[in-house]
Amino acid sequence: MAKRQVIEIGTGSQTFNIICYWPASEGPHPVHLFVHGGGWTIGSAFSRDSETVSRYRCVNADCIVVSVDYRKAPEHPYPAAVHDLLATIDWVIGNSEALGALPGAITVGGQSSGANIAAAATLALRNDERTEVGYQILEVPVLDLTHGVPREEGDDLPLSMSDVRTFCATYVSAEEAARDTLASPLLAADLSGLPPAYIAVAEYDVLRPDGELYARRLLAAGVKAELYLGHGHVHMSPSMTRLLPSARAWRTATTRALILGNTGLLADRGQAGGVVAAI
């Protein structure tokens, strides 16, 4: 990389940090906003995992990466994290020249709860008839906080439904809030007009149905979407790139999707989109 910089944005008591990463190649560059996971309550843009993802995407997708250290629940419950991502998008737009950003080339990506926040932000922008974000990458997303989607309990998995319910209750304490489409994007009645999506799910993950159903609903709404199935993976094992060849294959496929998104393209897999199988 050419540069890494921590920047505080927001106003008053509603401030938070973002970390910007610049590639060493000549700009201007597309901008990718990355939203880490952690059940809305833990994790950080400064964690080793988030730093690794951000640096890798910056170098290998040749883009500016802005990693969002959004405010966490329970001190800052829904919709604080969504507001922070939207504020970051506005900040990037307002500072595009200073960033060396390529106009009209913004993508957003998130993992787990971060994918929930990313999907919510694209919905919010669509609802306001805004089109600045042109592509979304959702990895192992949780998209229904009412738990209406049929899921396995997964008591023998690293992430069980008991864990999911606990995290969700910390982020949205009231059932009414959980039904809000910016908390549960899968409950949105209309998904048309959203940016193209790349959705990656793990084979042995209680949240797998969320991503699969969201991909099908996007396609039905006329939105281009790809679904990647990580065979043999559990919820966050795709992060284990040093240990697992299949995790490196996941990373390669996601990076390829980001490159296509950065250039405003989506792999041509037929008018209705397609499914990509992991190695």
C-alpha atoms as a PDB file:
ATOM      1  CA  MET A   1       0.000   0.000   0.000  1.00  0.00           C
ATOM      2  CA  ALA A   2       0.949   3.621  -0.327  1.00  0.00           C
ATOM      3  CA  LYS A   3      -0.717   4.913   2.831  1.00  0.00           C
ATOM      4  CA  ARG A   4      -2.938   4.086   5.822  1.00  0.00           C
ATOM      5  CA  GLN A   5      -4.692   6.813   7.804  1.00  0.00           C
ATOM      6  CA  VAL A   6      -7.124   6.835  10.735  1.00  0.00           C
ATOM      7  CA  ILE A   7      -9.724   9.603  10.509  1.00  0.00           C
ATOM      8  CA  GLU A   8     -12.418  10.603  12.992  1.00  0.00           C
ATOM      9  CA  ILE A   9     -15.707  11.627  11.403  1.00  0.00           C
ATOM     10  CA  GLY A  10     -19.203  12.477  12.625  1.00  0.00           C
ATOM     11  CA  THR A  11     -20.452  15.357  14.751  1.00  0.00           C
ATOM     12  CA  GLY A  12     -20.719  16.067  18.477  1.00  0.00           C
ATOM     13  CA  SER A  13     -20.924  12.907  20.555  1.00  0.00           C
ATOM     14  CA  GLN A  14     -21.731  10.825  17.472  1.00  0.00           C
ATOM     15  CA  THR A  15     -18.164  10.461  16.241  1.00  0.00           C
ATOM     16  CA  PHE A  16     -16.402   7.290  15.173  1.00  0.00           C
ATOM     17  CA  ASN A  17     -13.228   6.304  13.350  1.00  0.00           C
ATOM     18  CA  ILE A  18     -12.628   5.126   9.831  1.00  0.00           C
ATOM     19  CA  ILE A  19      -9.373   3.713   8.469  1.00  0.00           C
ATOM     20  CA  CYS A  20      -8.440   4.633   4.906  1.00  0.00           C
ATOM     21  CA  TYR A  21      -6.039   2.541   2.832  1.00  0.00           C
ATOM     22  CA  TRP A  22      -4.563   3.695  -0.474  1.00  0.00           C
ATOM     23  CA  PRO A  23      -2.977   1.441  -3.127  1.00  0.00           C
ATOM     24  CA  ALA A  24       0.449   2.279  -4.509  1.00  0.00           C
ATOM     25  CA  SER A  25      -0.761   2.547  -8.109  1.00  0.00           C
ATOM     26  CA  GLU A  26      -1.602   5.820  -9.802  1.00  0.00           C
ATOM     27  CA  GLY A  27      -5.161   7.073  -9.167  1.00  0.00           C
ATOM     28  CA  PRO A  28      -7.894   8.028  -9.119  1.00  0.00           C
ATOM     29  CA  HIS A  29      -9.239   4.802  -7.628  1.00  0.00           C
ATOM     30  CA  PRO A  30     -12.610   3.247  -6.852  1.00  0.00           C
ATOM     31  CA  VAL A  31     -13.587   3.256  -3.175  1.00  0.00           C
ATOM     32  CA  HIS A  32     -14.643   0.150  -1.265  1.00  0.00           C
ATOM     33  CA  LEU A  33     -16.259   0.557   2.151  1.00  0.00           C
ATOM     34  CA  PHE A  34     -15.671  -2.431   4.429  1.00  0.00           C
ATOM     35  CA  VAL A  35     -17.877  -3.212   7.454  1.00  0.00           C
ATOM     36  CA  HIS A  36     -16.517  -5.766   9.927  1.00  0.00           C
ATOM     37  CA  GLY A  37     -18.575  -8.395  11.721  1.00  0.00           C
ATOM     38  CA  GLY A  38     -18.939  -9.194  15.410  1.00  0.00           C
ATOM     39  CA  GLY A  39     -22.660  -9.331  16.192  1.00  0.00           C
ATOM     40  CA  TRP A  40     -22.876  -5.520  16.267  1.00  0.00           C
ATOM     41  CA  THR A  41     -21.240  -5.640  19.708  1.00  0.00           C
ATOM     42  CA  ILE A  42     -17.634  -6.811  19.314  1.00  0.00           C
ATOM     43  CA  GLY A  43     -14.870  -6.609  16.750  1.00  0.00           C
ATOM     44  CA  SER A  44     -13.227  -3.525  15.337  1.00  0.00           C
ATOM     45  CA  ALA A  45     -11.852  -2.000  12.175  1.00  0.00           C
ATOM     46  CA  PHE A  46      -8.514  -2.147  14.049  1.00  0.00           C
ATOM     47  CA  SER A  47      -8.621  -5.916  14.603  1.00  0.00           C
ATOM     48  CA  ARG A  48      -6.066  -8.094  12.866  1.00  0.00           C
ATOM     49  CA  ASP A  49      -8.797  -9.717  10.786  1.00  0.00           C
ATOM     50  CA  SER A  50     -10.282  -6.414   9.588  1.00  0.00           C
ATOM     51  CA  GLU A  51      -6.849  -4.968   8.862  1.00  0.00           C
ATOM     52  CA  THR A  52      -5.937  -8.041   6.818  1.00  0.00           C
ATOM     53  CA  VAL A  53      -9.125  -7.914   4.734  1.00  0.00           C
ATOM     54  CA  SER A  54      -8.778  -4.165   4.154  1.00  0.00           C
ATOM     55  CA  ARG A  55      -5.119  -4.332   3.134  1.00  0.00           C
ATOM     56  CA  TYR A  56      -5.655  -7.347   0.885  1.00  0.00           C
ATOM     57  CA  ARG A  57      -8.574  -5.737  -0.958  1.00  0.00           C
ATOM     58  CA  CYS A  58      -6.737  -2.439  -1.292  1.00  0.00           C
ATOM     59  CA  VAL A  59      -3.724  -4.074  -2.960  1.00  0.00           C
ATOM     60  CA  ASN A  60      -5.333  -6.886  -4.934  1.00  0.00           C
ATOM     61  CA  ALA A  61      -8.452  -5.042  -6.112  1.00  0.00           C
ATOM     62  CA  ASP A  62      -6.442  -1.830  -6.615  1.00  0.00           C
ATOM     63  CA  CYS A  63      -8.888   0.403  -4.785  1.00  0.00           C
ATOM     64  CA  ILE A  64      -9.101   2.744  -1.833  1.00  0.00           C
ATOM     65  CA  VAL A  65     -10.567   0.857   1.127  1.00  0.00           C
ATOM     66  CA  VAL A  66     -12.407   2.673   3.898  1.00  0.00           C
ATOM     67  CA  SER A  67     -12.941   0.419   6.924  1.00  0.00           C
ATOM     68  CA  VAL A  68     -15.691   1.648   9.249  1.00  0.00           C
ATOM     69  CA  ASP A  69     -15.231   1.338  13.016  1.00  0.00           C
ATOM     70  CA  TYR A  70     -18.934   1.918  13.630  1.00  0.00           C
ATOM     71  CA  ARG A  71     -20.403   2.462  17.086  1.00  0.00           C
ATOM     72  CA  LYS A  72     -21.330  -0.753  18.885  1.00  0.00           C
ATOM     73  CA  ALA A  73     -24.347  -2.047  20.763  1.00  0.00           C
ATOM     74  CA  PRO A  74     -25.552  -2.180  23.486  1.00  0.00           C
ATOM     75  CA  GLU A  75     -24.373   1.381  24.137  1.00  0.00           C
ATOM     76  CA  HIS A  76     -25.292   2.298  20.562  1.00  0.00           C
ATOM     77  CA  PRO A  77     -28.105  -0.018  19.415  1.00  0.00           C
ATOM     78  CA  TYR A  78     -29.882  -0.054  16.055  1.00  0.00           C
ATOM     79  CA  PRO A  79     -29.829   2.062  13.927  1.00  0.00           C
ATOM     80  CA  ALA A  80     -26.550   3.707  15.033  1.00  0.00           C
ATOM     81  CA  ALA A  81     -24.313   1.399  12.958  1.00  0.00           C
ATOM     82  CA  VAL A  82     -26.405   1.959   9.821  1.00  0.00           C
ATOM     83  CA  HIS A  83     -26.243   5.718  10.353  1.00  0.00           C
ATOM     84  CA  ASP A  84     -22.461   5.500  10.727  1.00  0.00           C
ATOM     85  CA  LEU A  85     -22.075   3.670   7.430  1.00  0.00           C
ATOM     86  CA  LEU A  86     -24.356   6.167   5.677  1.00  0.00           C
ATOM     87  CA  ALA A  87     -22.352   9.013   7.210  1.00  0.00           C
ATOM     88  CA  THR A  88     -19.167   7.400   5.912  1.00  0.00           C
ATOM     89  CA  ILE A  89     -20.616   7.163   2.414  1.00  0.00           C
ATOM     90  CA  ASP A  90     -21.516  10.865   2.571  1.00  0.00           C
ATOM     91  CA  TRP A  91     -18.024  11.666   3.844  1.00  0.00           C
ATOM     92  CA  VAL A  92     -16.403   9.761   0.974  1.00  0.00           C
ATOM     93  CA  ILE A  93     -18.575  11.599  -1.551  1.00  0.00           C
ATOM     94  CA  GLY A  94     -17.807  14.951   0.033  1.00  0.00           C
ATOM     95  CA  ASN A  95     -14.060  14.280   0.159  1.00  0.00           C
ATOM     96  CA  SER A  96     -13.629  12.361  -3.095  1.00  0.00           C
ATOM     97  CA  GLU A  97     -11.146  14.773  -4.624  1.00  0.00           C
ATOM     98  CA  ALA A  98      -8.881  14.801  -1.564  1.00  0.00           C
ATOM     99  CA  LEU A  99      -9.120  11.003  -1.346  1.00  0.00           C
ATOM    100  CA  GLY A 100      -8.185  10.559  -4.987  1.00  0.00           C
ATOM    101  CA  ALA A 101     -11.453   8.702  -5.499  1.00  0.00           C
ATOM    102  CA  LEU A 102     -12.876   7.813  -8.869  1.00  0.00           C
ATOM    103  CA  PRO A 103     -16.287   9.526  -9.166  1.00  0.00           C
ATOM    104  CA  GLY A 104     -19.253   7.189  -9.266  1.00  0.00           C
ATOM    105  CA  ALA A 105     -17.278   4.088  -8.254  1.00  0.00           C
ATOM    106  CA  ILE A 106     -18.267   3.224  -4.674  1.00  0.00           C
ATOM    107  CA  THR A 107     -18.846  -0.328  -3.462  1.00  0.00           C
ATOM    108  CA  VAL A 108     -19.754  -1.574  -0.011  1.00  0.00           C
ATOM    109  CA  GLY A 109     -19.012  -4.902   1.625  1.00  0.00           C
ATOM    110  CA  GLY A 110     -19.594  -6.489   4.998  1.00  0.00           C
ATOM    111  CA  GLN A 111     -19.190  -9.744   6.877  1.00  0.00           C
ATOM    112  CA  SER A 112     -21.843 -11.299   9.140  1.00  0.00           C
ATOM    113  CA  SER A 113     -23.435  -8.427  11.112  1.00  0.00           C
ATOM    114  CA  GLY A 114     -21.367  -6.084   8.946  1.00  0.00           C
ATOM    115  CA  ALA A 115     -23.145  -7.520   5.913  1.00  0.00           C
ATOM    116  CA  ASN A 116     -26.447  -6.720   7.630  1.00  0.00           C
ATOM    117  CA  ILE A 117     -25.324  -3.107   8.036  1.00  0.00           C
ATOM    118  CA  ALA A 118     -24.124  -2.928   4.435  1.00  0.00           C
ATOM    119  CA  ALA A 119     -27.390  -4.336   3.065  1.00  0.00           C
ATOM    120  CA  ALA A 120     -29.366  -1.927   5.239  1.00  0.00           C
ATOM    121  CA  ALA A 121     -27.393   1.067   3.973  1.00  0.00           C
ATOM    122  CA  THR A 122     -28.021   0.153   0.336  1.00  0.00           C
ATOM    123  CA  LEU A 123     -31.736  -0.130   1.116  1.00  0.00           C
ATOM    124  CA  ALA A 124     -31.722   3.268   2.818  1.00  0.00           C
ATOM    125  CA  LEU A 125     -29.985   4.842  -0.169  1.00  0.00           C
ATOM    126  CA  ARG A 126     -32.422   3.189  -2.577  1.00  0.00           C
ATOM    127  CA  ASN A 127     -35.348   4.455  -0.516  1.00  0.00           C
ATOM    128  CA  ASP A 128     -33.947   7.995  -0.858  1.00  0.00           C
ATOM    129  CA  GLU A 129     -33.475   7.476  -4.620  1.00  0.00           C
ATOM    130  CA  ARG A 130     -29.705   7.640  -4.265  1.00  0.00           C
ATOM    131  CA  THR A 131     -27.447   5.596  -6.521  1.00  0.00           C
ATOM    132  CA  GLU A 132     -23.931   6.397  -5.306  1.00  0.00           C
ATOM    133  CA  VAL A 133     -23.206   2.808  -4.233  1.00  0.00           C
ATOM    134  CA  GLY A 134     -22.987   0.609  -7.311  1.00  0.00           C
ATOM    135  CA  TYR A 135     -22.204  -2.826  -5.874  1.00  0.00           C
ATOM    136  CA  GLN A 136     -22.549  -4.758  -2.608  1.00  0.00           C
ATOM    137  CA  ILE A 137     -20.644  -7.736  -1.223  1.00  0.00           C
ATOM    138  CA  LEU A 138     -22.417  -9.609   1.574  1.00  0.00           C
ATOM    139  CA  GLU A 139     -20.476 -12.419   3.255  1.00  0.00           C
ATOM    140  CA  VAL A 140     -22.235 -14.834   5.656  1.00  0.00           C
ATOM    141  CA  PRO A 141     -24.968 -12.207   6.146  1.00  0.00           C
ATOM    142  CA  VAL A 142     -27.613 -12.140   8.857  1.00  0.00           C
ATOM    143  CA  LEU A 143     -30.639 -10.528   7.227  1.00  0.00           C
ATOM    144  CA  ASP A 144     -33.700 -11.422   9.330  1.00  0.00           C
ATOM    145  CA  LEU A 145     -33.524 -10.327  12.958  1.00  0.00           C
ATOM    146  CA  THR A 146     -37.079 -11.565  13.638  1.00  0.00           C
ATOM    147  CA  HIS A 147     -35.806 -15.118  12.996  1.00  0.00           C
ATOM    148  CA  GLY A 148     -38.701 -15.869  10.684  1.00  0.00           C
ATOM    149  CA  VAL A 149     -36.398 -17.565   8.174  1.00  0.00           C
ATOM    150  CA  PRO A 150     -36.265 -21.334   8.817  1.00  0.00           C
ATOM    151  CA  ARG A 151     -32.802 -22.094  10.218  1.00  0.00           C
ATOM    152  CA  GLU A 152     -31.125 -25.026  11.909  1.00  0.00           C
ATOM    153  CA  GLU A 153     -30.398 -24.562  15.616  1.00  0.00           C
ATOM    154  CA  GLY A 154     -26.762 -25.514  15.005  1.00  0.00           C
ATOM    155  CA  ASP A 155     -25.908 -26.333  18.615  1.00  0.00           C
ATOM    156  CA  ASP A 156     -22.856 -28.255  17.392  1.00  0.00           C
ATOM    157  CA  LEU A 157     -21.585 -25.356  15.260  1.00  0.00           C
ATOM    158  CA  PRO A 158     -19.243 -22.492  16.240  1.00  0.00           C
ATOM    159  CA  LEU A 159     -22.161 -20.076  15.752  1.00  0.00           C
ATOM    160  CA  SER A 160     -25.488 -21.430  17.006  1.00  0.00           C
ATOM    161  CA  MET A 161     -28.948 -19.902  16.847  1.00  0.00           C
ATOM    162  CA  SER A 162     -28.658 -19.283  20.579  1.00  0.00           C
ATOM    163  CA  ASP A 163     -25.665 -17.053  19.836  1.00  0.00           C
ATOM    164  CA  VAL A 164     -27.497 -15.330  16.986  1.00  0.00           C
ATOM    165  CA  ARG A 165     -30.533 -14.567  19.162  1.00  0.00           C
ATOM    166  CA  THR A 166     -28.315 -13.131  21.878  1.00  0.00           C
ATOM    167  CA  PHE A 167     -26.456 -10.826  19.494  1.00  0.00           C
ATOM    168  CA  CYS A 168     -29.652  -9.717  17.758  1.00  0.00           C
ATOM    169  CA  ALA A 169     -31.400  -8.927  21.055  1.00  0.00           C
ATOM    170  CA  THR A 170     -28.461  -6.701  22.002  1.00  0.00           C
ATOM    171  CA  TYR A 171     -28.691  -4.780  18.727  1.00  0.00           C
ATOM    172  CA  VAL A 172     -32.509  -4.560  18.497  1.00  0.00           C
ATOM    173  CA  SER A 173     -34.130  -4.942  21.910  1.00  0.00           C
ATOM    174  CA  ALA A 174     -37.730  -4.581  20.700  1.00  0.00           C
ATOM    175  CA  GLU A 175     -39.555  -6.909  18.317  1.00  0.00           C
ATOM    176  CA  GLU A 176     -40.978  -3.910  16.482  1.00  0.00           C
ATOM    177  CA  ALA A 177     -37.480  -2.626  15.741  1.00  0.00           C
ATOM    178  CA  ALA A 178     -36.415  -6.046  14.463  1.00  0.00           C
ATOM    179  CA  ARG A 179     -39.200  -5.857  11.863  1.00  0.00           C
ATOM    180  CA  ASP A 180     -37.791  -2.602  10.488  1.00  0.00           C
ATOM    181  CA  THR A 181     -36.390  -3.334   7.045  1.00  0.00           C
ATOM    182  CA  LEU A 182     -33.133  -1.537   7.888  1.00  0.00           C
ATOM    183  CA  ALA A 183     -32.683  -4.038  10.725  1.00  0.00           C
ATOM    184  CA  SER A 184     -33.951  -7.006   8.709  1.00  0.00           C
ATOM    185  CA  PRO A 185     -33.372  -6.289   4.998  1.00  0.00           C
ATOM    186  CA  LEU A 186     -34.862  -9.648   4.072  1.00  0.00           C
ATOM    187  CA  LEU A 187     -38.258  -8.348   5.218  1.00  0.00           C
ATOM    188  CA  ALA A 188     -38.304  -5.520   2.679  1.00  0.00           C
ATOM    189  CA  ALA A 189     -41.327  -5.955   0.422  1.00  0.00           C
ATOM    190  CA  ASP A 190     -39.519  -4.529  -2.592  1.00  0.00           C
ATOM    191  CA  LEU A 191     -35.860  -5.156  -3.413  1.00  0.00           C
ATOM    192  CA  SER A 192     -35.907  -3.640  -6.888  1.00  0.00           C
ATOM    193  CA  GLY A 193     -33.493  -0.830  -7.663  1.00  0.00           C
ATOM    194  CA  LEU A 194     -30.756  -2.135  -5.353  1.00  0.00           C
ATOM    195  CA  PRO A 195     -27.157  -2.374  -6.580  1.00  0.00           C
ATOM    196  CA  PRO A 196     -25.915  -5.711  -7.937  1.00  0.00           C
ATOM    197  CA  ALA A 197     -24.862  -8.093  -5.197  1.00  0.00           C
ATOM    198  CA  TYR A 198     -22.302 -10.803  -4.532  1.00  0.00           C
ATOM    199  CA  ILE A 199     -23.460 -12.978  -1.644  1.00  0.00           C
ATOM    200  CA  ALA A 200     -21.227 -15.629  -0.075  1.00  0.00           C
ATOM    201  CA  VAL A 201     -22.607 -18.239   2.321  1.00  0.00           C
ATOM    202  CA  ALA A 202     -20.945 -21.041   4.275  1.00  0.00           C
ATOM    203  CA  GLU A 203     -22.216 -24.615   3.921  1.00  0.00           C
ATOM    204  CA  TYR A 204     -22.439 -25.282   7.670  1.00  0.00           C
ATOM    205  CA  ASP A 205     -23.782 -21.964   8.914  1.00  0.00           C
ATOM    206  CA  VAL A 206     -27.135 -21.379  10.603  1.00  0.00           C
ATOM    207  CA  LEU A 207     -27.316 -18.099   8.650  1.00  0.00           C
ATOM    208  CA  ARG A 208     -26.902 -19.765   5.264  1.00  0.00           C
ATOM    209  CA  PRO A 209     -30.674 -19.511   4.500  1.00  0.00           C
ATOM    210  CA  ASP A 210     -30.572 -15.724   4.934  1.00  0.00           C
ATOM    211  CA  GLY A 211     -28.038 -15.227   2.151  1.00  0.00           C
ATOM    212  CA  GLU A 212     -29.587 -17.806  -0.162  1.00  0.00           C
ATOM    213  CA  LEU A 213     -33.087 -16.359   0.156  1.00  0.00           C
ATOM    214  CA  TYR A 214     -31.838 -12.794  -0.252  1.00  0.00           C
ATOM    215  CA  ALA A 215     -30.030 -13.762  -3.469  1.00  0.00           C
ATOM    216  CA  ARG A 216     -33.188 -15.397  -4.845  1.00  0.00           C
ATOM    217  CA  ARG A 217     -35.308 -12.381  -3.907  1.00  0.00           C
ATOM    218  CA  LEU A 218     -32.860  -9.966  -5.515  1.00  0.00           C
ATOM    219  CA  LEU A 219     -32.913 -11.973  -8.727  1.00  0.00           C
ATOM    220  CA  ALA A 220     -36.726 -12.075  -8.662  1.00  0.00           C
ATOM    221  CA  ALA A 221     -36.720  -8.267  -8.277  1.00  0.00           C
ATOM    222  CA  GLY A 222     -34.545  -7.870 -11.355  1.00  0.00           C
ATOM    223  CA  VAL A 223     -31.316  -7.177  -9.465  1.00  0.00           C
ATOM    224  CA  LYS A 224     -28.168  -8.920 -10.687  1.00  0.00           C
ATOM    225  CA  ALA A 225     -26.826 -11.223  -8.005  1.00  0.00           C
ATOM    226  CA  GLU A 226     -24.277 -14.006  -7.586  1.00  0.00           C
ATOM    227  CA  LEU A 227     -24.329 -16.610  -4.837  1.00  0.00           C
ATOM    228  CA  TYR A 228     -21.100 -18.269  -3.694  1.00  0.00           C
ATOM    229  CA  LEU A 229     -21.349 -21.428  -1.583  1.00  0.00           C
ATOM    230  CA  GLY A 230     -18.303 -22.149   0.558  1.00  0.00           C
ATOM    231  CA  HIS A 231     -18.293 -25.936   0.765  1.00  0.00           C
ATOM    232  CA  GLY A 232     -17.155 -27.268   4.120  1.00  0.00           C
ATOM    233  CA  HIS A 233     -17.095 -23.854   5.777  1.00  0.00           C
ATOM    234  CA  VAL A 234     -18.658 -22.727   9.037  1.00  0.00           C
ATOM    235  CA  HIS A 235     -19.643 -19.153   9.794  1.00  0.00           C
ATOM    236  CA  MET A 236     -16.291 -17.352   9.888  1.00  0.00           C
ATOM    237  CA  SER A 237     -13.833 -20.047   8.792  1.00  0.00           C
ATOM    238  CA  PRO A 238     -13.324 -18.187   5.464  1.00  0.00           C
ATOM    239  CA  SER A 239     -11.011 -15.904   7.487  1.00  0.00           C
ATOM    240  CA  MET A 240      -8.599 -18.808   8.034  1.00  0.00           C
ATOM    241  CA  THR A 241      -6.664 -18.177   4.831  1.00  0.00           C
ATOM    242  CA  ARG A 242      -3.305 -19.303   6.228  1.00  0.00           C
ATOM    243  CA  LEU A 243      -4.753 -22.672   7.224  1.00  0.00           C
ATOM    244  CA  LEU A 244      -7.396 -23.556   4.622  1.00  0.00           C
ATOM    245  CA  PRO A 245      -7.033 -23.683   0.820  1.00  0.00           C
ATOM    246  CA  SER A 246     -10.824 -23.333   0.625  1.00  0.00           C
ATOM    247  CA  ALA A 247     -10.581 -20.071   2.570  1.00  0.00           C
ATOM    248  CA  ARG A 248      -8.057 -18.771   0.063  1.00  0.00           C
ATOM    249  CA  ALA A 249     -10.438 -19.813  -2.739  1.00  0.00           C
ATOM    250  CA  TRP A 250     -13.219 -17.855  -0.988  1.00  0.00           C
ATOM    251  CA  ARG A 251     -10.955 -14.806  -0.736  1.00  0.00           C
ATOM    252  CA  THR A 252      -9.988 -15.079  -4.411  1.00  0.00           C
ATOM    253  CA  ALA A 253     -13.625 -15.274  -5.502  1.00  0.00           C
ATOM    254  CA  THR A 254     -14.597 -12.308  -3.335  1.00  0.00           C
ATOM    255  CA  THR A 255     -11.694 -10.244  -4.655  1.00  0.00           C
ATOM    256  CA  ARG A 256     -12.675 -11.081  -8.208  1.00  0.00           C
ATOM    257  CA  ALA A 257     -16.233  -9.941  -7.453  1.00  0.00           C
ATOM    258  CA  LEU A 258     -14.921  -6.686  -6.008  1.00  0.00           C
ATOM    259  CA  ILE A 259     -12.806  -6.024  -9.091  1.00  0.00           C
ATOM    260  CA  LEU A 260     -15.884  -6.534 -11.271  1.00  0.00           C
ATOM    261  CA  GLY A 261     -17.926  -4.305  -8.994  1.00  0.00           C
ATOM    262  CA  ASN A 262     -15.262  -1.612  -9.034  1.00  0.00           C
ATOM    263  CA  THR A 263     -15.414  -1.455 -12.802  1.00  0.00           C
ATOM    264  CA  GLY A 264     -19.199  -1.437 -12.839  1.00  0.00           C
ATOM    265  CA  LEU A 265     -19.348  -4.946 -14.256  1.00  0.00           C
ATOM    266  CA  LEU A 266     -20.896  -8.202 -13.134  1.00  0.00           C
ATOM    267  CA  ALA A 267     -19.922 -11.590 -14.527  1.00  0.00           C
ATOM    268  CA  ASP A 268     -22.371 -12.509 -17.279  1.00  0.00           C
ATOM    269  CA  ARG A 269     -24.053 -15.638 -15.960  1.00  0.00           C
ATOM    270  CA  GLY A 270     -27.333 -15.273 -17.812  1.00  0.00           C
ATOM    271  CA  GLN A 271     -30.060 -12.710 -17.397  1.00  0.00           C
ATOM    272  CA  ALA A 272     -31.181 -14.189 -14.099  1.00  0.00           C
ATOM    273  CA  GLY A 273     -27.699 -14.315 -12.571  1.00  0.00           C
ATOM    274  CA  GLY A 274     -26.089 -17.535 -11.436  1.00  0.00           C
ATOM    275  CA  VAL A 275     -24.506 -19.652  -8.755  1.00  0.00           C
ATOM    276  CA  VAL A 276     -20.780 -20.106  -8.312  1.00  0.00           C
ATOM    277  CA  ALA A 277     -19.481 -23.187  -6.487  1.00  0.00           C
ATOM    278  CA  ALA A 278     -16.437 -22.940  -4.259  1.00  0.00           C
ATOM    279  CA  ILE A 279     -13.387 -25.123  -4.714  1.00  0.00           C
END
